[in-house]
């Protein structure tokens, strides 16, 4: 058995988490827009209910994710 120690893994890149968060924010906003366009094209009770329940929820998720990315970026540049 070798007594050499393993090298420490490199630190995690904070930009990776930001990229994933931005992609999720874009995806949730796109889904909310698709729900809105679906409501414009075909107005049914199910589509209206999905738009009224999921639309604001998806936009709120996107808003929170974008806010997290902005705060993380400002803190990494020591502005906040």
Protein backbone atom coordinates (compact mmCIF):
# COMPACT_ATOMS: atom_id res chain seq x y z
CA UNK A 1 0.00 0.00 0.00
CA UNK A 2 1.22 3.43 -0.87
CA UNK A 3 1.34 6.09 1.81
CA UNK A 4 1.05 9.00 -0.60
CA UNK A 5 -1.83 11.33 0.01
CA UNK A 6 -4.33 12.06 -2.70
CA UNK A 7 -4.30 15.59 -4.10
CA UNK A 8 -7.24 17.72 -3.11
CA UNK A 9 -9.92 18.15 -5.78
CA UNK A 10 -10.03 21.55 -7.42
CA UNK A 11 -12.55 24.01 -5.99
CA UNK A 12 -15.97 24.02 -7.56
CA UNK A 13 -16.54 26.64 -10.19
CA UNK A 14 -19.34 29.01 -9.03
CA UNK A 15 -20.18 29.84 -12.65
CA UNK A 16 -21.44 26.28 -13.19
CA UNK A 17 -24.23 26.74 -10.66
CA UNK A 18 -25.05 30.12 -12.17
CA UNK A 19 -25.29 28.64 -15.64
CA UNK A 20 -27.68 25.94 -14.47
CA UNK A 21 -29.80 28.48 -12.58
CA UNK A 22 -29.97 30.76 -15.62
CA UNK A 23 -30.99 27.86 -17.85
CA UNK A 24 -33.72 26.85 -15.41
CA UNK A 25 -34.95 30.45 -15.24
CA UNK A 26 -35.09 30.64 -19.05
CA UNK A 27 -36.86 27.28 -19.22
CA UNK A 28 -39.49 28.20 -16.65
CA UNK A 29 -40.14 31.54 -18.37
CA UNK A 30 -40.45 29.80 -21.73
CA UNK A 31 -42.96 27.34 -20.27
CA UNK A 32 -45.01 30.22 -18.88
CA UNK A 33 -44.97 31.90 -22.31
CA UNK A 34 -46.04 28.65 -23.97
CA UNK A 35 -48.93 28.41 -21.53
CA UNK A 36 -49.93 31.98 -22.38
CA UNK A 37 -49.75 31.34 -26.13
CA UNK A 38 -51.73 28.14 -25.71
CA UNK A 39 -54.40 30.13 -23.89
CA UNK A 40 -54.50 32.64 -26.75
CA UNK A 41 -54.88 29.92 -29.37
CA UNK A 42 -57.33 27.64 -27.61
CA UNK A 43 -59.21 28.77 -24.54
CA UNK A 44 -60.40 25.78 -22.56
CA UNK A 45 -61.03 25.52 -18.83
CA UNK A 46 -58.03 23.23 -18.37
CA UNK A 47 -55.63 25.53 -20.21
CA UNK A 48 -57.00 28.55 -18.35
CA UNK A 49 -56.58 26.81 -14.99
CA UNK A 50 -53.05 25.69 -15.88
CA UNK A 51 -52.20 29.24 -16.97
CA UNK A 52 -53.61 30.82 -13.82
CA UNK A 53 -51.92 28.33 -11.47
CA UNK A 54 -48.66 27.43 -13.20
CA UNK A 55 -47.96 30.68 -15.06
CA UNK A 56 -47.30 32.91 -12.03
CA UNK A 57 -45.54 30.05 -10.24
CA UNK A 58 -43.14 29.51 -13.15
CA UNK A 59 -42.45 33.23 -13.43
CA UNK A 60 -41.84 33.47 -9.68
CA UNK A 61 -39.36 30.58 -9.88
CA UNK A 62 -37.56 32.33 -12.74
CA UNK A 63 -37.50 35.60 -10.76
CA UNK A 64 -36.00 33.93 -7.68
CA UNK A 65 -33.40 32.03 -9.71
CA UNK A 66 -32.37 35.18 -11.56
CA UNK A 67 -32.14 37.09 -8.29
CA UNK A 68 -29.91 34.38 -6.82
CA UNK A 69 -27.58 34.54 -9.82
CA UNK A 70 -27.39 38.34 -9.64
CA UNK A 71 -26.65 38.32 -5.91
CA UNK A 72 -24.04 35.57 -6.31
CA UNK A 73 -22.34 37.52 -9.09
CA UNK A 74 -22.35 40.77 -7.10
CA UNK A 75 -20.89 39.03 -4.06
CA UNK A 76 -18.19 37.31 -6.08
CA UNK A 77 -17.07 40.67 -7.44
CA UNK A 78 -17.25 42.11 -3.90
CA UNK A 79 -19.78 44.77 -4.84
CA UNK A 80 -22.13 43.67 -2.05
